[in-house]
Amino acid sequence: LRWTLVLQTYTEAEAKALCKKLKF
């Protein structure tokens, strides 16, 4: 929930890339 708010302006592709970078 908190990460979704932090990433609210991200597209799905952008969010997926960041999650991969930070190894979610």
PDBML (XML) file of the C-alpha atoms, coordinates in Angstrom:
<?xml version="1.0" encoding="UTF-8" ?>
<PDBx:datablock datablockName="MODEL"
   xmlns:PDBx="http://pdbml.pdb.org/schema/pdbx-v50.xsd"
   xmlns:xsi="http://www.w3.org/2001/XMLSchema-instance"
   xsi:schemaLocation="http://pdbml.pdb.org/schema/pdbx-v50.xsd pdbx-v50.xsd">
   <PDBx:atom_siteCategory>
      <PDBx:atom_site id="1">
         <PDBx:B_iso_or_equiv>0.00</PDBx:B_iso_or_equiv>
         <PDBx:Cartn_x>0.000</PDBx:Cartn_x>
         <PDBx:Cartn_y>0.000</PDBx:Cartn_y>
         <PDBx:Cartn_z>0.000</PDBx:Cartn_z>
         <PDBx:auth_asym_id>A</PDBx:auth_asym_id>
         <PDBx:auth_atom_id>CA</PDBx:auth_atom_id>
         <PDBx:auth_comp_id>LEU</PDBx:auth_comp_id>
         <PDBx:auth_seq_id>1</PDBx:auth_seq_id>
         <PDBx:group_PDB>ATOM</PDBx:group_PDB>
         <PDBx:label_alt_id xsi:nil="true" />
         <PDBx:label_asym_id>A</PDBx:label_asym_id>
         <PDBx:label_atom_id>CA</PDBx:label_atom_id>
         <PDBx:label_comp_id>LEU</PDBx:label_comp_id>
         <PDBx:label_entity_id>1</PDBx:label_entity_id>
         <PDBx:label_seq_id>1</PDBx:label_seq_id>
         <PDBx:occupancy>1.00</PDBx:occupancy>
         <PDBx:pdbx_PDB_model_num>1</PDBx:pdbx_PDB_model_num>
         <PDBx:type_symbol>C</PDBx:type_symbol>
      </PDBx:atom_site>
      <PDBx:atom_site id="2">
         <PDBx:B_iso_or_equiv>0.00</PDBx:B_iso_or_equiv>
         <PDBx:Cartn_x>2.698</PDBx:Cartn_x>
         <PDBx:Cartn_y>2.483</PDBx:Cartn_y>
         <PDBx:Cartn_z>0.962</PDBx:Cartn_z>
         <PDBx:auth_asym_id>A</PDBx:auth_asym_id>
         <PDBx:auth_atom_id>CA</PDBx:auth_atom_id>
         <PDBx:auth_comp_id>ARG</PDBx:auth_comp_id>
         <PDBx:auth_seq_id>2</PDBx:auth_seq_id>
         <PDBx:group_PDB>ATOM</PDBx:group_PDB>
         <PDBx:label_alt_id xsi:nil="true" />
         <PDBx:label_asym_id>A</PDBx:label_asym_id>
         <PDBx:label_atom_id>CA</PDBx:label_atom_id>
         <PDBx:label_comp_id>ARG</PDBx:label_comp_id>
         <PDBx:label_entity_id>1</PDBx:label_entity_id>
         <PDBx:label_seq_id>2</PDBx:label_seq_id>
         <PDBx:occupancy>1.00</PDBx:occupancy>
         <PDBx:pdbx_PDB_model_num>1</PDBx:pdbx_PDB_model_num>
         <PDBx:type_symbol>C</PDBx:type_symbol>
      </PDBx:atom_site>
      <PDBx:atom_site id="3">
         <PDBx:B_iso_or_equiv>0.00</PDBx:B_iso_or_equiv>
         <PDBx:Cartn_x>4.838</PDBx:Cartn_x>
         <PDBx:Cartn_y>1.678</PDBx:Cartn_y>
         <PDBx:Cartn_z>-2.086</PDBx:Cartn_z>
         <PDBx:auth_asym_id>A</PDBx:auth_asym_id>
         <PDBx:auth_atom_id>CA</PDBx:auth_atom_id>
         <PDBx:auth_comp_id>TRP</PDBx:auth_comp_id>
         <PDBx:auth_seq_id>3</PDBx:auth_seq_id>
         <PDBx:group_PDB>ATOM</PDBx:group_PDB>
         <PDBx:label_alt_id xsi:nil="true" />
         <PDBx:label_asym_id>A</PDBx:label_asym_id>
         <PDBx:label_atom_id>CA</PDBx:label_atom_id>
         <PDBx:label_comp_id>TRP</PDBx:label_comp_id>
         <PDBx:label_entity_id>1</PDBx:label_entity_id>
         <PDBx:label_seq_id>3</PDBx:label_seq_id>
         <PDBx:occupancy>1.00</PDBx:occupancy>
         <PDBx:pdbx_PDB_model_num>1</PDBx:pdbx_PDB_model_num>
         <PDBx:type_symbol>C</PDBx:type_symbol>
      </PDBx:atom_site>
      <PDBx:atom_site id="4">
         <PDBx:B_iso_or_equiv>0.00</PDBx:B_iso_or_equiv>
         <PDBx:Cartn_x>1.817</PDBx:Cartn_x>
         <PDBx:Cartn_y>2.070</PDBx:Cartn_y>
         <PDBx:Cartn_z>-4.375</PDBx:Cartn_z>
         <PDBx:auth_asym_id>A</PDBx:auth_asym_id>
         <PDBx:auth_atom_id>CA</PDBx:auth_atom_id>
         <PDBx:auth_comp_id>THR</PDBx:auth_comp_id>
         <PDBx:auth_seq_id>4</PDBx:auth_seq_id>
         <PDBx:group_PDB>ATOM</PDBx:group_PDB>
         <PDBx:label_alt_id xsi:nil="true" />
         <PDBx:label_asym_id>A</PDBx:label_asym_id>
         <PDBx:label_atom_id>CA</PDBx:label_atom_id>
         <PDBx:label_comp_id>THR</PDBx:label_comp_id>
         <PDBx:label_entity_id>1</PDBx:label_entity_id>
         <PDBx:label_seq_id>4</PDBx:label_seq_id>
         <PDBx:occupancy>1.00</PDBx:occupancy>
         <PDBx:pdbx_PDB_model_num>1</PDBx:pdbx_PDB_model_num>
         <PDBx:type_symbol>C</PDBx:type_symbol>
      </PDBx:atom_site>
      <PDBx:atom_site id="5">
         <PDBx:B_iso_or_equiv>0.00</PDBx:B_iso_or_equiv>
         <PDBx:Cartn_x>1.334</PDBx:Cartn_x>
         <PDBx:Cartn_y>5.605</PDBx:Cartn_y>
         <PDBx:Cartn_z>-3.072</PDBx:Cartn_z>
         <PDBx:auth_asym_id>A</PDBx:auth_asym_id>
         <PDBx:auth_atom_id>CA</PDBx:auth_atom_id>
         <PDBx:auth_comp_id>LEU</PDBx:auth_comp_id>
         <PDBx:auth_seq_id>5</PDBx:auth_seq_id>
         <PDBx:group_PDB>ATOM</PDBx:group_PDB>
         <PDBx:label_alt_id xsi:nil="true" />
         <PDBx:label_asym_id>A</PDBx:label_asym_id>
         <PDBx:label_atom_id>CA</PDBx:label_atom_id>
         <PDBx:label_comp_id>LEU</PDBx:label_comp_id>
         <PDBx:label_entity_id>1</PDBx:label_entity_id>
         <PDBx:label_seq_id>5</PDBx:label_seq_id>
         <PDBx:occupancy>1.00</PDBx:occupancy>
         <PDBx:pdbx_PDB_model_num>1</PDBx:pdbx_PDB_model_num>
         <PDBx:type_symbol>C</PDBx:type_symbol>
      </PDBx:atom_site>
      <PDBx:atom_site id="6">
         <PDBx:B_iso_or_equiv>0.00</PDBx:B_iso_or_equiv>
         <PDBx:Cartn_x>5.031</PDBx:Cartn_x>
         <PDBx:Cartn_y>6.360</PDBx:Cartn_y>
         <PDBx:Cartn_z>-3.498</PDBx:Cartn_z>
         <PDBx:auth_asym_id>A</PDBx:auth_asym_id>
         <PDBx:auth_atom_id>CA</PDBx:auth_atom_id>
         <PDBx:auth_comp_id>VAL</PDBx:auth_comp_id>
         <PDBx:auth_seq_id>6</PDBx:auth_seq_id>
         <PDBx:group_PDB>ATOM</PDBx:group_PDB>
         <PDBx:label_alt_id xsi:nil="true" />
         <PDBx:label_asym_id>A</PDBx:label_asym_id>
         <PDBx:label_atom_id>CA</PDBx:label_atom_id>
         <PDBx:label_comp_id>VAL</PDBx:label_comp_id>
         <PDBx:label_entity_id>1</PDBx:label_entity_id>
         <PDBx:label_seq_id>6</PDBx:label_seq_id>
         <PDBx:occupancy>1.00</PDBx:occupancy>
         <PDBx:pdbx_PDB_model_num>1</PDBx:pdbx_PDB_model_num>
         <PDBx:type_symbol>C</PDBx:type_symbol>
      </PDBx:atom_site>
      <PDBx:atom_site id="7">
         <PDBx:B_iso_or_equiv>0.00</PDBx:B_iso_or_equiv>
         <PDBx:Cartn_x>4.843</PDBx:Cartn_x>
         <PDBx:Cartn_y>5.073</PDBx:Cartn_y>
         <PDBx:Cartn_z>-7.090</PDBx:Cartn_z>
         <PDBx:auth_asym_id>A</PDBx:auth_asym_id>
         <PDBx:auth_atom_id>CA</PDBx:auth_atom_id>
         <PDBx:auth_comp_id>LEU</PDBx:auth_comp_id>
         <PDBx:auth_seq_id>7</PDBx:auth_seq_id>
         <PDBx:group_PDB>ATOM</PDBx:group_PDB>
         <PDBx:label_alt_id xsi:nil="true" />
         <PDBx:label_asym_id>A</PDBx:label_asym_id>
         <PDBx:label_atom_id>CA</PDBx:label_atom_id>
         <PDBx:label_comp_id>LEU</PDBx:label_comp_id>
         <PDBx:label_entity_id>1</PDBx:label_entity_id>
         <PDBx:label_seq_id>7</PDBx:label_seq_id>
         <PDBx:occupancy>1.00</PDBx:occupancy>
         <PDBx:pdbx_PDB_model_num>1</PDBx:pdbx_PDB_model_num>
         <PDBx:type_symbol>C</PDBx:type_symbol>
      </PDBx:atom_site>
      <PDBx:atom_site id="8">
         <PDBx:B_iso_or_equiv>0.00</PDBx:B_iso_or_equiv>
         <PDBx:Cartn_x>1.434</PDBx:Cartn_x>
         <PDBx:Cartn_y>6.543</PDBx:Cartn_y>
         <PDBx:Cartn_z>-7.912</PDBx:Cartn_z>
         <PDBx:auth_asym_id>A</PDBx:auth_asym_id>
         <PDBx:auth_atom_id>CA</PDBx:auth_atom_id>
         <PDBx:auth_comp_id>GLN</PDBx:auth_comp_id>
         <PDBx:auth_seq_id>8</PDBx:auth_seq_id>
         <PDBx:group_PDB>ATOM</PDBx:group_PDB>
         <PDBx:label_alt_id xsi:nil="true" />
         <PDBx:label_asym_id>A</PDBx:label_asym_id>
         <PDBx:label_atom_id>CA</PDBx:label_atom_id>
         <PDBx:label_comp_id>GLN</PDBx:label_comp_id>
         <PDBx:label_entity_id>1</PDBx:label_entity_id>
         <PDBx:label_seq_id>8</PDBx:label_seq_id>
         <PDBx:occupancy>1.00</PDBx:occupancy>
         <PDBx:pdbx_PDB_model_num>1</PDBx:pdbx_PDB_model_num>
         <PDBx:type_symbol>C</PDBx:type_symbol>
      </PDBx:atom_site>
      <PDBx:atom_site id="9">
         <PDBx:B_iso_or_equiv>0.00</PDBx:B_iso_or_equiv>
         <PDBx:Cartn_x>2.763</PDBx:Cartn_x>
         <PDBx:Cartn_y>8.601</PDBx:Cartn_y>
         <PDBx:Cartn_z>-10.850</PDBx:Cartn_z>
         <PDBx:auth_asym_id>A</PDBx:auth_asym_id>
         <PDBx:auth_atom_id>CA</PDBx:auth_atom_id>
         <PDBx:auth_comp_id>THR</PDBx:auth_comp_id>
         <PDBx:auth_seq_id>9</PDBx:auth_seq_id>
         <PDBx:group_PDB>ATOM</PDBx:group_PDB>
         <PDBx:label_alt_id xsi:nil="true" />
         <PDBx:label_asym_id>A</PDBx:label_asym_id>
         <PDBx:label_atom_id>CA</PDBx:label_atom_id>
         <PDBx:label_comp_id>THR</PDBx:label_comp_id>
         <PDBx:label_entity_id>1</PDBx:label_entity_id>
         <PDBx:label_seq_id>9</PDBx:label_seq_id>
         <PDBx:occupancy>1.00</PDBx:occupancy>
         <PDBx:pdbx_PDB_model_num>1</PDBx:pdbx_PDB_model_num>
         <PDBx:type_symbol>C</PDBx:type_symbol>
      </PDBx:atom_site>
      <PDBx:atom_site id="10">
         <PDBx:B_iso_or_equiv>0.00</PDBx:B_iso_or_equiv>
         <PDBx:Cartn_x>4.621</PDBx:Cartn_x>
         <PDBx:Cartn_y>5.629</PDBx:Cartn_y>
         <PDBx:Cartn_z>-12.343</PDBx:Cartn_z>
         <PDBx:auth_asym_id>A</PDBx:auth_asym_id>
         <PDBx:auth_atom_id>CA</PDBx:auth_atom_id>
         <PDBx:auth_comp_id>TYR</PDBx:auth_comp_id>
         <PDBx:auth_seq_id>10</PDBx:auth_seq_id>
         <PDBx:group_PDB>ATOM</PDBx:group_PDB>
         <PDBx:label_alt_id xsi:nil="true" />
         <PDBx:label_asym_id>A</PDBx:label_asym_id>
         <PDBx:label_atom_id>CA</PDBx:label_atom_id>
         <PDBx:label_comp_id>TYR</PDBx:label_comp_id>
         <PDBx:label_entity_id>1</PDBx:label_entity_id>
         <PDBx:label_seq_id>10</PDBx:label_seq_id>
         <PDBx:occupancy>1.00</PDBx:occupancy>
         <PDBx:pdbx_PDB_model_num>1</PDBx:pdbx_PDB_model_num>
         <PDBx:type_symbol>C</PDBx:type_symbol>
      </PDBx:atom_site>
      <PDBx:atom_site id="11">
         <PDBx:B_iso_or_equiv>0.00</PDBx:B_iso_or_equiv>
         <PDBx:Cartn_x>3.377</PDBx:Cartn_x>
         <PDBx:Cartn_y>3.633</PDBx:Cartn_y>
         <PDBx:Cartn_z>-15.297</PDBx:Cartn_z>
         <PDBx:auth_asym_id>A</PDBx:auth_asym_id>
         <PDBx:auth_atom_id>CA</PDBx:auth_atom_id>
         <PDBx:auth_comp_id>THR</PDBx:auth_comp_id>
         <PDBx:auth_seq_id>11</PDBx:auth_seq_id>
         <PDBx:group_PDB>ATOM</PDBx:group_PDB>
         <PDBx:label_alt_id xsi:nil="true" />
         <PDBx:label_asym_id>A</PDBx:label_asym_id>
         <PDBx:label_atom_id>CA</PDBx:label_atom_id>
         <PDBx:label_comp_id>THR</PDBx:label_comp_id>
         <PDBx:label_entity_id>1</PDBx:label_entity_id>
         <PDBx:label_seq_id>11</PDBx:label_seq_id>
         <PDBx:occupancy>1.00</PDBx:occupancy>
         <PDBx:pdbx_PDB_model_num>1</PDBx:pdbx_PDB_model_num>
         <PDBx:type_symbol>C</PDBx:type_symbol>
      </PDBx:atom_site>
      <PDBx:atom_site id="12">
         <PDBx:B_iso_or_equiv>0.00</PDBx:B_iso_or_equiv>
         <PDBx:Cartn_x>3.220</PDBx:Cartn_x>
         <PDBx:Cartn_y>-0.099</PDBx:Cartn_y>
         <PDBx:Cartn_z>-14.764</PDBx:Cartn_z>
         <PDBx:auth_asym_id>A</PDBx:auth_asym_id>
         <PDBx:auth_atom_id>CA</PDBx:auth_atom_id>
         <PDBx:auth_comp_id>GLU</PDBx:auth_comp_id>
         <PDBx:auth_seq_id>12</PDBx:auth_seq_id>
         <PDBx:group_PDB>ATOM</PDBx:group_PDB>
         <PDBx:label_alt_id xsi:nil="true" />
         <PDBx:label_asym_id>A</PDBx:label_asym_id>
         <PDBx:label_atom_id>CA</PDBx:label_atom_id>
         <PDBx:label_comp_id>GLU</PDBx:label_comp_id>
         <PDBx:label_entity_id>1</PDBx:label_entity_id>
         <PDBx:label_seq_id>12</PDBx:label_seq_id>
         <PDBx:occupancy>1.00</PDBx:occupancy>
         <PDBx:pdbx_PDB_model_num>1</PDBx:pdbx_PDB_model_num>
         <PDBx:type_symbol>C</PDBx:type_symbol>
      </PDBx:atom_site>
      <PDBx:atom_site id="13">
         <PDBx:B_iso_or_equiv>0.00</PDBx:B_iso_or_equiv>
         <PDBx:Cartn_x>6.377</PDBx:Cartn_x>
         <PDBx:Cartn_y>-0.529</PDBx:Cartn_y>
         <PDBx:Cartn_z>-16.835</PDBx:Cartn_z>
         <PDBx:auth_asym_id>A</PDBx:auth_asym_id>
         <PDBx:auth_atom_id>CA</PDBx:auth_atom_id>
         <PDBx:auth_comp_id>ALA</PDBx:auth_comp_id>
         <PDBx:auth_seq_id>13</PDBx:auth_seq_id>
         <PDBx:group_PDB>ATOM</PDBx:group_PDB>
         <PDBx:label_alt_id xsi:nil="true" />
         <PDBx:label_asym_id>A</PDBx:label_asym_id>
         <PDBx:label_atom_id>CA</PDBx:label_atom_id>
         <PDBx:label_comp_id>ALA</PDBx:label_comp_id>
         <PDBx:label_entity_id>1</PDBx:label_entity_id>
         <PDBx:label_seq_id>13</PDBx:label_seq_id>
         <PDBx:occupancy>1.00</PDBx:occupancy>
         <PDBx:pdbx_PDB_model_num>1</PDBx:pdbx_PDB_model_num>
         <PDBx:type_symbol>C</PDBx:type_symbol>
      </PDBx:atom_site>
      <PDBx:atom_site id="14">
         <PDBx:B_iso_or_equiv>0.00</PDBx:B_iso_or_equiv>
         <PDBx:Cartn_x>8.238</PDBx:Cartn_x>
         <PDBx:Cartn_y>2.107</PDBx:Cartn_y>
         <PDBx:Cartn_z>-14.811</PDBx:Cartn_z>
         <PDBx:auth_asym_id>A</PDBx:auth_asym_id>
         <PDBx:auth_atom_id>CA</PDBx:auth_atom_id>
         <PDBx:auth_comp_id>GLU</PDBx:auth_comp_id>
         <PDBx:auth_seq_id>14</PDBx:auth_seq_id>
         <PDBx:group_PDB>ATOM</PDBx:group_PDB>
         <PDBx:label_alt_id xsi:nil="true" />
         <PDBx:label_asym_id>A</PDBx:label_asym_id>
         <PDBx:label_atom_id>CA</PDBx:label_atom_id>
         <PDBx:label_comp_id>GLU</PDBx:label_comp_id>
         <PDBx:label_entity_id>1</PDBx:label_entity_id>
         <PDBx:label_seq_id>14</PDBx:label_seq_id>
         <PDBx:occupancy>1.00</PDBx:occupancy>
         <PDBx:pdbx_PDB_model_num>1</PDBx:pdbx_PDB_model_num>
         <PDBx:type_symbol>C</PDBx:type_symbol>
      </PDBx:atom_site>
      <PDBx:atom_site id="15">
         <PDBx:B_iso_or_equiv>0.00</PDBx:B_iso_or_equiv>
         <PDBx:Cartn_x>7.108</PDBx:Cartn_x>
         <PDBx:Cartn_y>0.605</PDBx:Cartn_y>
         <PDBx:Cartn_z>-11.524</PDBx:Cartn_z>
         <PDBx:auth_asym_id>A</PDBx:auth_asym_id>
         <PDBx:auth_atom_id>CA</PDBx:auth_atom_id>
         <PDBx:auth_comp_id>ALA</PDBx:auth_comp_id>
         <PDBx:auth_seq_id>15</PDBx:auth_seq_id>
         <PDBx:group_PDB>ATOM</PDBx:group_PDB>
         <PDBx:label_alt_id xsi:nil="true" />
         <PDBx:label_asym_id>A</PDBx:label_asym_id>
         <PDBx:label_atom_id>CA</PDBx:label_atom_id>
         <PDBx:label_comp_id>ALA</PDBx:label_comp_id>
         <PDBx:label_entity_id>1</PDBx:label_entity_id>
         <PDBx:label_seq_id>15</PDBx:label_seq_id>
         <PDBx:occupancy>1.00</PDBx:occupancy>
         <PDBx:pdbx_PDB_model_num>1</PDBx:pdbx_PDB_model_num>
         <PDBx:type_symbol>C</PDBx:type_symbol>
      </PDBx:atom_site>
      <PDBx:atom_site id="16">
         <PDBx:B_iso_or_equiv>0.00</PDBx:B_iso_or_equiv>
         <PDBx:Cartn_x>8.067</PDBx:Cartn_x>
         <PDBx:Cartn_y>-2.893</PDBx:Cartn_y>
         <PDBx:Cartn_z>-12.645</PDBx:Cartn_z>
         <PDBx:auth_asym_id>A</PDBx:auth_asym_id>
         <PDBx:auth_atom_id>CA</PDBx:auth_atom_id>
         <PDBx:auth_comp_id>LYS</PDBx:auth_comp_id>
         <PDBx:auth_seq_id>16</PDBx:auth_seq_id>
         <PDBx:group_PDB>ATOM</PDBx:group_PDB>
         <PDBx:label_alt_id xsi:nil="true" />
         <PDBx:label_asym_id>A</PDBx:label_asym_id>
         <PDBx:label_atom_id>CA</PDBx:label_atom_id>
         <PDBx:label_comp_id>LYS</PDBx:label_comp_id>
         <PDBx:label_entity_id>1</PDBx:label_entity_id>
         <PDBx:label_seq_id>16</PDBx:label_seq_id>
         <PDBx:occupancy>1.00</PDBx:occupancy>
         <PDBx:pdbx_PDB_model_num>1</PDBx:pdbx_PDB_model_num>
         <PDBx:type_symbol>C</PDBx:type_symbol>
      </PDBx:atom_site>
      <PDBx:atom_site id="17">
         <PDBx:B_iso_or_equiv>0.00</PDBx:B_iso_or_equiv>
         <PDBx:Cartn_x>11.538</PDBx:Cartn_x>
         <PDBx:Cartn_y>-1.655</PDBx:Cartn_y>
         <PDBx:Cartn_z>-13.609</PDBx:Cartn_z>
         <PDBx:auth_asym_id>A</PDBx:auth_asym_id>
         <PDBx:auth_atom_id>CA</PDBx:auth_atom_id>
         <PDBx:auth_comp_id>ALA</PDBx:auth_comp_id>
         <PDBx:auth_seq_id>17</PDBx:auth_seq_id>
         <PDBx:group_PDB>ATOM</PDBx:group_PDB>
         <PDBx:label_alt_id xsi:nil="true" />
         <PDBx:label_asym_id>A</PDBx:label_asym_id>
         <PDBx:label_atom_id>CA</PDBx:label_atom_id>
         <PDBx:label_comp_id>ALA</PDBx:label_comp_id>
         <PDBx:label_entity_id>1</PDBx:label_entity_id>
         <PDBx:label_seq_id>17</PDBx:label_seq_id>
         <PDBx:occupancy>1.00</PDBx:occupancy>
         <PDBx:pdbx_PDB_model_num>1</PDBx:pdbx_PDB_model_num>
         <PDBx:type_symbol>C</PDBx:type_symbol>
      </PDBx:atom_site>
      <PDBx:atom_site id="18">
         <PDBx:B_iso_or_equiv>0.00</PDBx:B_iso_or_equiv>
         <PDBx:Cartn_x>12.076</PDBx:Cartn_x>
         <PDBx:Cartn_y>0.003</PDBx:Cartn_y>
         <PDBx:Cartn_z>-10.225</PDBx:Cartn_z>
         <PDBx:auth_asym_id>A</PDBx:auth_asym_id>
         <PDBx:auth_atom_id>CA</PDBx:auth_atom_id>
         <PDBx:auth_comp_id>LEU</PDBx:auth_comp_id>
         <PDBx:auth_seq_id>18</PDBx:auth_seq_id>
         <PDBx:group_PDB>ATOM</PDBx:group_PDB>
         <PDBx:label_alt_id xsi:nil="true" />
         <PDBx:label_asym_id>A</PDBx:label_asym_id>
         <PDBx:label_atom_id>CA</PDBx:label_atom_id>
         <PDBx:label_comp_id>LEU</PDBx:label_comp_id>
         <PDBx:label_entity_id>1</PDBx:label_entity_id>
         <PDBx:label_seq_id>18</PDBx:label_seq_id>
         <PDBx:occupancy>1.00</PDBx:occupancy>
         <PDBx:pdbx_PDB_model_num>1</PDBx:pdbx_PDB_model_num>
         <PDBx:type_symbol>C</PDBx:type_symbol>
      </PDBx:atom_site>
      <PDBx:atom_site id="19">
         <PDBx:B_iso_or_equiv>0.00</PDBx:B_iso_or_equiv>
         <PDBx:Cartn_x>10.840</PDBx:Cartn_x>
         <PDBx:Cartn_y>-3.079</PDBx:Cartn_y>
         <PDBx:Cartn_z>-8.367</PDBx:Cartn_z>
         <PDBx:auth_asym_id>A</PDBx:auth_asym_id>
         <PDBx:auth_atom_id>CA</PDBx:auth_atom_id>
         <PDBx:auth_comp_id>CYS</PDBx:auth_comp_id>
         <PDBx:auth_seq_id>19</PDBx:auth_seq_id>
         <PDBx:group_PDB>ATOM</PDBx:group_PDB>
         <PDBx:label_alt_id xsi:nil="true" />
         <PDBx:label_asym_id>A</PDBx:label_asym_id>
         <PDBx:label_atom_id>CA</PDBx:label_atom_id>
         <PDBx:label_comp_id>CYS</PDBx:label_comp_id>
         <PDBx:label_entity_id>1</PDBx:label_entity_id>
         <PDBx:label_seq_id>19</PDBx:label_seq_id>
         <PDBx:occupancy>1.00</PDBx:occupancy>
         <PDBx:pdbx_PDB_model_num>1</PDBx:pdbx_PDB_model_num>
         <PDBx:type_symbol>C</PDBx:type_symbol>
      </PDBx:atom_site>
      <PDBx:atom_site id="20">
         <PDBx:B_iso_or_equiv>0.00</PDBx:B_iso_or_equiv>
         <PDBx:Cartn_x>13.317</PDBx:Cartn_x>
         <PDBx:Cartn_y>-5.161</PDBx:Cartn_y>
         <PDBx:Cartn_z>-10.363</PDBx:Cartn_z>
         <PDBx:auth_asym_id>A</PDBx:auth_asym_id>
         <PDBx:auth_atom_id>CA</PDBx:auth_atom_id>
         <PDBx:auth_comp_id>LYS</PDBx:auth_comp_id>
         <PDBx:auth_seq_id>20</PDBx:auth_seq_id>
         <PDBx:group_PDB>ATOM</PDBx:group_PDB>
         <PDBx:label_alt_id xsi:nil="true" />
         <PDBx:label_asym_id>A</PDBx:label_asym_id>
         <PDBx:label_atom_id>CA</PDBx:label_atom_id>
         <PDBx:label_comp_id>LYS</PDBx:label_comp_id>
         <PDBx:label_entity_id>1</PDBx:label_entity_id>
         <PDBx:label_seq_id>20</PDBx:label_seq_id>
         <PDBx:occupancy>1.00</PDBx:occupancy>
         <PDBx:pdbx_PDB_model_num>1</PDBx:pdbx_PDB_model_num>
         <PDBx:type_symbol>C</PDBx:type_symbol>
      </PDBx:atom_site>
      <PDBx:atom_site id="21">
         <PDBx:B_iso_or_equiv>0.00</PDBx:B_iso_or_equiv>
         <PDBx:Cartn_x>16.138</PDBx:Cartn_x>
         <PDBx:Cartn_y>-2.689</PDBx:Cartn_y>
         <PDBx:Cartn_z>-9.684</PDBx:Cartn_z>
         <PDBx:auth_asym_id>A</PDBx:auth_asym_id>
         <PDBx:auth_atom_id>CA</PDBx:auth_atom_id>
         <PDBx:auth_comp_id>LYS</PDBx:auth_comp_id>
         <PDBx:auth_seq_id>21</PDBx:auth_seq_id>
         <PDBx:group_PDB>ATOM</PDBx:group_PDB>
         <PDBx:label_alt_id xsi:nil="true" />
         <PDBx:label_asym_id>A</PDBx:label_asym_id>
         <PDBx:label_atom_id>CA</PDBx:label_atom_id>
         <PDBx:label_comp_id>LYS</PDBx:label_comp_id>
         <PDBx:label_entity_id>1</PDBx:label_entity_id>
         <PDBx:label_seq_id>21</PDBx:label_seq_id>
         <PDBx:occupancy>1.00</PDBx:occupancy>
         <PDBx:pdbx_PDB_model_num>1</PDBx:pdbx_PDB_model_num>
         <PDBx:type_symbol>C</PDBx:type_symbol>
      </PDBx:atom_site>
      <PDBx:atom_site id="22">
         <PDBx:B_iso_or_equiv>0.00</PDBx:B_iso_or_equiv>
         <PDBx:Cartn_x>15.523</PDBx:Cartn_x>
         <PDBx:Cartn_y>-2.746</PDBx:Cartn_y>
         <PDBx:Cartn_z>-5.924</PDBx:Cartn_z>
         <PDBx:auth_asym_id>A</PDBx:auth_asym_id>
         <PDBx:auth_atom_id>CA</PDBx:auth_atom_id>
         <PDBx:auth_comp_id>LEU</PDBx:auth_comp_id>
         <PDBx:auth_seq_id>22</PDBx:auth_seq_id>
         <PDBx:group_PDB>ATOM</PDBx:group_PDB>
         <PDBx:label_alt_id xsi:nil="true" />
         <PDBx:label_asym_id>A</PDBx:label_asym_id>
         <PDBx:label_atom_id>CA</PDBx:label_atom_id>
         <PDBx:label_comp_id>LEU</PDBx:label_comp_id>
         <PDBx:label_entity_id>1</PDBx:label_entity_id>
         <PDBx:label_seq_id>22</PDBx:label_seq_id>
         <PDBx:occupancy>1.00</PDBx:occupancy>
         <PDBx:pdbx_PDB_model_num>1</PDBx:pdbx_PDB_model_num>
         <PDBx:type_symbol>C</PDBx:type_symbol>
      </PDBx:atom_site>
      <PDBx:atom_site id="23">
         <PDBx:B_iso_or_equiv>0.00</PDBx:B_iso_or_equiv>
         <PDBx:Cartn_x>14.921</PDBx:Cartn_x>
         <PDBx:Cartn_y>-6.524</PDBx:Cartn_y>
         <PDBx:Cartn_z>-5.992</PDBx:Cartn_z>
         <PDBx:auth_asym_id>A</PDBx:auth_asym_id>
         <PDBx:auth_atom_id>CA</PDBx:auth_atom_id>
         <PDBx:auth_comp_id>LYS</PDBx:auth_comp_id>
         <PDBx:auth_seq_id>23</PDBx:auth_seq_id>
         <PDBx:group_PDB>ATOM</PDBx:group_PDB>
         <PDBx:label_alt_id xsi:nil="true" />
         <PDBx:label_asym_id>A</PDBx:label_asym_id>
         <PDBx:label_atom_id>CA</PDBx:label_atom_id>
         <PDBx:label_comp_id>LYS</PDBx:label_comp_id>
         <PDBx:label_entity_id>1</PDBx:label_entity_id>
         <PDBx:label_seq_id>23</PDBx:label_seq_id>
         <PDBx:occupancy>1.00</PDBx:occupancy>
         <PDBx:pdbx_PDB_model_num>1</PDBx:pdbx_PDB_model_num>
         <PDBx:type_symbol>C</PDBx:type_symbol>
      </PDBx:atom_site>
      <PDBx:atom_site id="24">
         <PDBx:B_iso_or_equiv>0.00</PDBx:B_iso_or_equiv>
         <PDBx:Cartn_x>11.403</PDBx:Cartn_x>
         <PDBx:Cartn_y>-6.578</PDBx:Cartn_y>
         <PDBx:Cartn_z>-4.576</PDBx:Cartn_z>
         <PDBx:auth_asym_id>A</PDBx:auth_asym_id>
         <PDBx:auth_atom_id>CA</PDBx:auth_atom_id>
         <PDBx:auth_comp_id>PHE</PDBx:auth_comp_id>
         <PDBx:auth_seq_id>24</PDBx:auth_seq_id>
         <PDBx:group_PDB>ATOM</PDBx:group_PDB>
         <PDBx:label_alt_id xsi:nil="true" />
         <PDBx:label_asym_id>A</PDBx:label_asym_id>
         <PDBx:label_atom_id>CA</PDBx:label_atom_id>
         <PDBx:label_comp_id>PHE</PDBx:label_comp_id>
         <PDBx:label_entity_id>1</PDBx:label_entity_id>
         <PDBx:label_seq_id>24</PDBx:label_seq_id>
         <PDBx:occupancy>1.00</PDBx:occupancy>
         <PDBx:pdbx_PDB_model_num>1</PDBx:pdbx_PDB_model_num>
         <PDBx:type_symbol>C</PDBx:type_symbol>
      </PDBx:atom_site>
   </PDBx:atom_siteCategory>
</PDBx:datablock>
